[in-house]
Protein backbone atom coordinates (compact mmCIF):
# COMPACT_ATOMS: atom_id res chain seq x y z
CA MET A 1 17.77 -4.60 1.13
CA ARG A 2 21.00 -6.09 2.54
CA LEU A 3 22.73 -3.87 5.03
CA ASP A 4 26.02 -3.74 3.02
CA ARG A 5 24.10 -2.58 -0.06
CA LEU A 6 22.31 0.20 1.89
CA LEU A 7 25.72 1.31 3.28
CA GLY A 8 27.25 1.13 -0.31
CA GLN A 9 24.85 3.81 -1.56
CA HIS A 10 26.76 6.37 0.57
CA PRO A 11 28.79 8.52 -1.88
CA ARG A 12 31.83 8.53 0.41
CA TRP A 13 32.07 4.81 1.32
CA SER A 14 33.74 2.23 -0.83
CA ARG A 15 33.02 -1.50 -0.32
CA ARG A 16 36.26 -1.78 1.66
CA HIS A 17 35.11 1.10 3.91
CA VAL A 18 31.75 -0.53 4.40
CA ARG A 19 33.41 -3.77 5.44
CA GLN A 20 35.60 -1.90 7.91
CA LEU A 21 32.61 -0.11 9.36
CA LEU A 22 30.87 -3.42 9.94
CA ALA A 23 33.89 -5.11 11.45
CA LEU A 24 34.66 -2.25 13.92
CA GLY A 25 31.06 -2.19 15.23
CA GLN A 26 30.38 1.40 13.87
CA VAL A 27 27.08 0.42 12.21
CA ARG A 28 23.93 0.30 14.37
CA VAL A 29 20.59 -1.04 13.37
CA ASN A 30 17.71 -0.08 15.78
CA GLY A 31 20.29 1.08 18.29
CA GLN A 32 22.23 -2.13 18.32
CA PRO A 33 25.70 -2.76 16.67
CA GLN A 34 25.35 -5.00 13.58
CA HIS A 35 28.26 -6.69 12.05
CA GLN A 36 26.46 -8.96 9.37
CA ALA A 37 26.76 -7.44 5.85
CA THR A 38 23.77 -9.63 4.83
CA TRP A 39 21.39 -8.43 7.57
CA GLU A 40 18.13 -7.60 5.92
CA VAL A 41 17.15 -3.99 6.38
CA THR A 42 13.42 -3.11 6.14
CA ARG A 43 11.82 0.36 5.90
CA PHE A 44 11.09 -0.01 9.66
CA CYS A 45 14.85 -0.17 10.59
CA ARG A 46 16.72 2.84 11.93
CA VAL A 47 20.31 2.68 10.56
CA GLU A 48 23.28 4.63 11.73
CA ALA A 49 26.91 4.30 10.56
CA ASP A 50 29.96 6.16 11.59
CA GLY A 51 27.79 8.46 13.71
CA GLU A 52 25.65 9.34 10.66
CA LEU A 53 21.92 8.62 10.39
CA LEU A 54 21.30 6.78 7.12
CA GLN A 55 17.59 5.81 7.59
CA ALA A 56 15.31 7.05 10.29
CA GLY A 57 12.99 4.05 10.14
CA GLN A 58 9.25 4.12 9.58
CA ALA A 59 7.16 3.38 12.63
CA ALA A 60 5.61 -0.20 12.43
CA HIS A 61 1.93 -0.56 13.66
CA TYR A 62 0.45 -3.84 14.83
CA LEU A 63 -3.10 -3.72 16.07
CA MET A 64 -5.91 -6.08 16.94
CA LEU A 65 -9.52 -5.02 16.54
CA HIS A 66 -12.90 -6.58 17.74
CA LYS A 67 -14.94 -6.37 14.47
CA PRO A 68 -18.61 -5.77 14.89
CA ALA A 69 -21.10 -7.17 12.39
CA GLY A 70 -22.05 -4.77 9.49
CA LEU A 71 -18.65 -3.37 8.66
CA LEU A 72 -16.67 -4.52 5.76
CA SER A 73 -13.15 -5.93 6.22
CA ALA A 74 -11.60 -3.44 3.75
CA THR A 75 -9.50 -0.32 3.66
CA GLU A 76 -12.13 1.58 1.78
CA ASP A 77 -15.45 0.91 0.04
CA PRO A 78 -17.64 3.48 -1.98
CA LEU A 79 -20.85 2.03 -0.61
CA HIS A 80 -20.40 0.44 2.83
CA PRO A 81 -18.66 1.52 6.06
CA THR A 82 -15.38 -0.38 6.73
CA VAL A 83 -13.57 -1.32 9.83
CA MET A 84 -11.08 1.57 9.23
CA THR A 85 -13.83 3.92 10.56
CA LEU A 86 -13.08 2.47 14.02
CA LEU A 87 -9.44 3.72 13.85
CA PRO A 88 -7.77 7.10 14.27
CA GLN A 89 -7.68 9.14 11.04
CA ALA A 90 -3.98 9.19 11.09
CA LEU A 91 -3.75 5.34 10.93
CA GLN A 92 -6.41 4.69 8.27
CA GLY A 93 -4.25 5.23 5.27
CA GLU A 94 -1.35 3.22 6.48
CA LEU A 95 -2.77 -0.14 7.49
CA HIS A 96 -3.89 -3.25 5.67
CA ILE A 97 -5.95 -6.14 7.13
CA ALA A 98 -4.30 -9.48 7.82
CA GLY A 99 -7.03 -12.04 7.43
CA ARG A 100 -10.40 -10.66 6.52
CA LEU A 101 -13.88 -11.44 7.90
CA ASP A 102 -17.20 -11.40 6.20
CA ARG A 103 -19.35 -8.33 6.61
CA ALA A 104 -21.83 -10.23 8.95
CA SER A 105 -18.87 -11.98 10.88
CA THR A 106 -17.45 -10.63 14.12
CA GLY A 107 -14.30 -11.04 16.14
CA LEU A 108 -10.56 -10.74 15.85
CA LEU A 109 -9.03 -8.62 13.01
CA VAL A 110 -5.39 -7.78 12.77
CA LEU A 111 -4.19 -4.60 11.13
CA THR A 112 -0.52 -3.59 10.29
CA ASN A 113 1.63 -1.79 7.82
CA ASP A 114 4.27 -4.52 7.89
CA GLY A 115 3.66 -6.89 4.94
CA ASN A 116 6.29 -9.47 5.65
CA TRP A 117 4.88 -9.96 9.17
CA SER A 118 1.21 -10.16 8.02
CA ARG A 119 2.21 -12.83 5.53
CA ARG A 120 3.77 -14.97 8.23
CA LEU A 121 0.53 -14.68 10.20
CA THR A 122 -1.80 -15.58 7.28
CA ASP A 123 0.23 -17.92 5.11
CA PRO A 124 -1.47 -21.34 5.19
CA ALA A 125 2.02 -22.88 5.05
CA SER A 126 2.80 -21.44 8.44
CA ASP A 127 0.18 -23.73 9.93
CA LYS A 128 -0.98 -20.99 12.35
CA ALA A 129 -4.40 -22.12 13.70
CA LYS A 130 -7.44 -19.97 13.72
CA THR A 131 -10.39 -20.51 16.10
CA TYR A 132 -14.11 -19.57 15.34
CA ARG A 133 -17.24 -19.90 17.41
CA VAL A 134 -20.11 -20.82 15.14
CA THR A 135 -23.82 -20.60 15.74
CA LEU A 136 -25.94 -22.79 13.45
CA ALA A 137 -29.56 -22.93 12.37
CA ASN A 138 -30.08 -26.54 13.24
CA PRO A 139 -28.63 -29.06 15.61
CA VAL A 140 -25.14 -30.35 14.74
CA ASP A 141 -25.17 -33.63 12.77
CA PRO A 142 -23.42 -36.50 14.63
CA ASP A 143 -21.11 -37.09 11.64
CA THR A 144 -19.99 -33.36 11.31
CA ALA A 145 -16.90 -33.73 13.40
CA ARG A 146 -15.67 -36.87 11.64
CA VAL A 147 -16.23 -35.33 8.22
CA PHE A 148 -14.57 -32.21 8.97
CA ALA A 149 -11.46 -34.02 10.49
CA GLU A 150 -11.20 -36.07 7.31
CA GLY A 151 -11.54 -33.03 4.98
CA ILE A 152 -14.27 -32.06 2.50
CA HIS A 153 -13.88 -31.93 -1.22
CA PHE A 154 -14.66 -28.49 -2.88
CA PRO A 155 -15.34 -29.43 -6.53
CA PHE A 156 -15.14 -25.75 -7.78
CA GLU A 157 -11.46 -25.48 -6.70
CA ASP A 158 -10.86 -29.31 -6.76
CA ILE A 159 -9.29 -29.28 -3.40
CA VAL A 160 -9.80 -31.16 -0.18
CA THR A 161 -9.85 -29.00 2.98
CA ARG A 162 -7.34 -29.59 5.57
CA PRO A 163 -8.55 -31.31 8.81
CA VAL A 164 -10.76 -29.12 10.99
CA GLN A 165 -11.20 -29.75 14.64
CA LEU A 166 -14.68 -29.46 15.98
CA GLU A 167 -15.60 -28.85 19.63
CA GLN A 168 -19.30 -28.95 20.43
CA LEU A 169 -20.40 -26.11 22.73
CA GLY A 170 -24.13 -26.63 22.67
CA GLU A 171 -26.82 -28.11 20.45
CA ARG A 172 -26.36 -25.49 17.71
CA GLU A 173 -23.00 -23.97 18.66
CA VAL A 174 -19.49 -25.22 18.01
CA ARG A 175 -15.84 -24.04 18.09
CA LEU A 176 -13.71 -24.77 15.00
CA THR A 177 -10.03 -24.75 14.65
CA LEU A 178 -8.52 -24.66 11.20
CA THR A 179 -5.28 -23.78 9.50
CA GLU A 180 -6.54 -22.40 6.17
CA GLY A 181 -9.09 -19.86 5.03
CA ARG A 182 -10.83 -20.82 1.83
CA TYR A 183 -13.51 -18.51 0.42
CA HIS A 184 -16.54 -18.94 2.75
CA GLN A 185 -14.99 -22.16 3.95
CA ILE A 186 -16.87 -22.62 7.23
CA LYS A 187 -20.30 -21.80 5.46
CA ARG A 188 -19.52 -24.20 2.69
CA MET A 189 -18.49 -26.95 5.08
CA PHE A 190 -21.70 -26.74 7.02
CA GLY A 191 -23.48 -26.42 3.75
CA ARG A 192 -22.57 -30.06 3.18
CA PHE A 193 -24.97 -30.84 6.11
CA ARG A 194 -27.55 -28.34 4.88
CA ASN A 195 -27.05 -26.47 8.16
CA PRO A 196 -26.85 -22.57 7.65
CA VAL A 197 -24.38 -20.65 9.74
CA LEU A 198 -26.18 -17.91 11.64
CA ALA A 199 -23.20 -16.35 13.34
CA LEU A 200 -19.45 -16.57 12.99
CA HIS A 201 -16.97 -15.20 15.49
CA ARG A 202 -13.21 -15.38 15.27
CA GLU A 203 -11.65 -15.88 18.71
CA SER A 204 -7.91 -16.22 17.79
CA MET A 205 -5.24 -16.29 14.95
CA GLY A 206 -2.19 -18.29 15.91
CA PRO A 207 -0.97 -17.03 19.28
CA LEU A 208 -3.16 -13.89 19.13
CA GLN A 209 -6.22 -14.11 21.32
CA LEU A 210 -9.04 -11.58 21.25
CA GLY A 211 -9.78 -12.10 24.88
CA THR A 212 -11.99 -9.48 26.53
CA LEU A 213 -11.36 -6.66 24.09
CA PRO A 214 -14.75 -4.91 23.72
CA GLN A 215 -16.62 -4.92 20.31
CA GLY A 216 -15.66 -2.08 18.17
CA GLN A 217 -12.41 -1.35 20.10
CA TYR A 218 -8.78 -1.87 19.20
CA ARG A 219 -5.44 -2.16 20.87
CA ARG A 220 -1.82 -2.31 19.94
CA LEU A 221 -0.25 -5.71 20.12
CA THR A 222 2.46 -6.15 22.73
CA ASP A 223 6.12 -6.68 21.63
CA ALA A 224 5.77 -10.32 22.84
CA GLU A 225 2.74 -10.77 20.63
CA VAL A 226 4.41 -9.27 17.59
CA ALA A 227 7.55 -11.40 18.22
CA ALA A 228 5.41 -14.61 18.55
CA ILE A 229 4.56 -14.24 14.80
């Protein structure tokens, strides 16, 4: 909602009064004077005007979690345990997952209650790269890097994958960097070479790096990490 519209809901303030409050610096958003009538106010903003608190602001949460294998990337499931069981009870009902992983996969998950922020992280149009370490059943075919870089046609969706960068780490282990996340994309790409994926581990999403966070543990993102998205 625009700031002037929020202020205009006050029963005592006319549009003229709202303009005066903004011009005189008597409106504060998150503790800072705000003069722009068109400033977008979210549910996380604390808004004060003329010494009166209009909106306290909901606490925003931004977490990264090191997902172990065997847990679903879901907020709830009637049959299987989910990654939410690794979080404090107070947070479990508030958060959604920004970029899921398969049940057998491990690595970086991001959880938040800020939908606009998570869309910026996961939207393919943002071109935020994701990196995965992949362990394969068979040695990597010499043509794999070239084919991945050119893109692979998925006939079911009738799309061609965006270029994927492949770094070989060992005979059966690679690191992939990609900017989209089609359904089972990595497994389907290696399926073109009849090379089953044995393990898939996400190391990063955009500027967010899993680093040395222990498996099954979570931490809050720093202000700098949140701002980088």
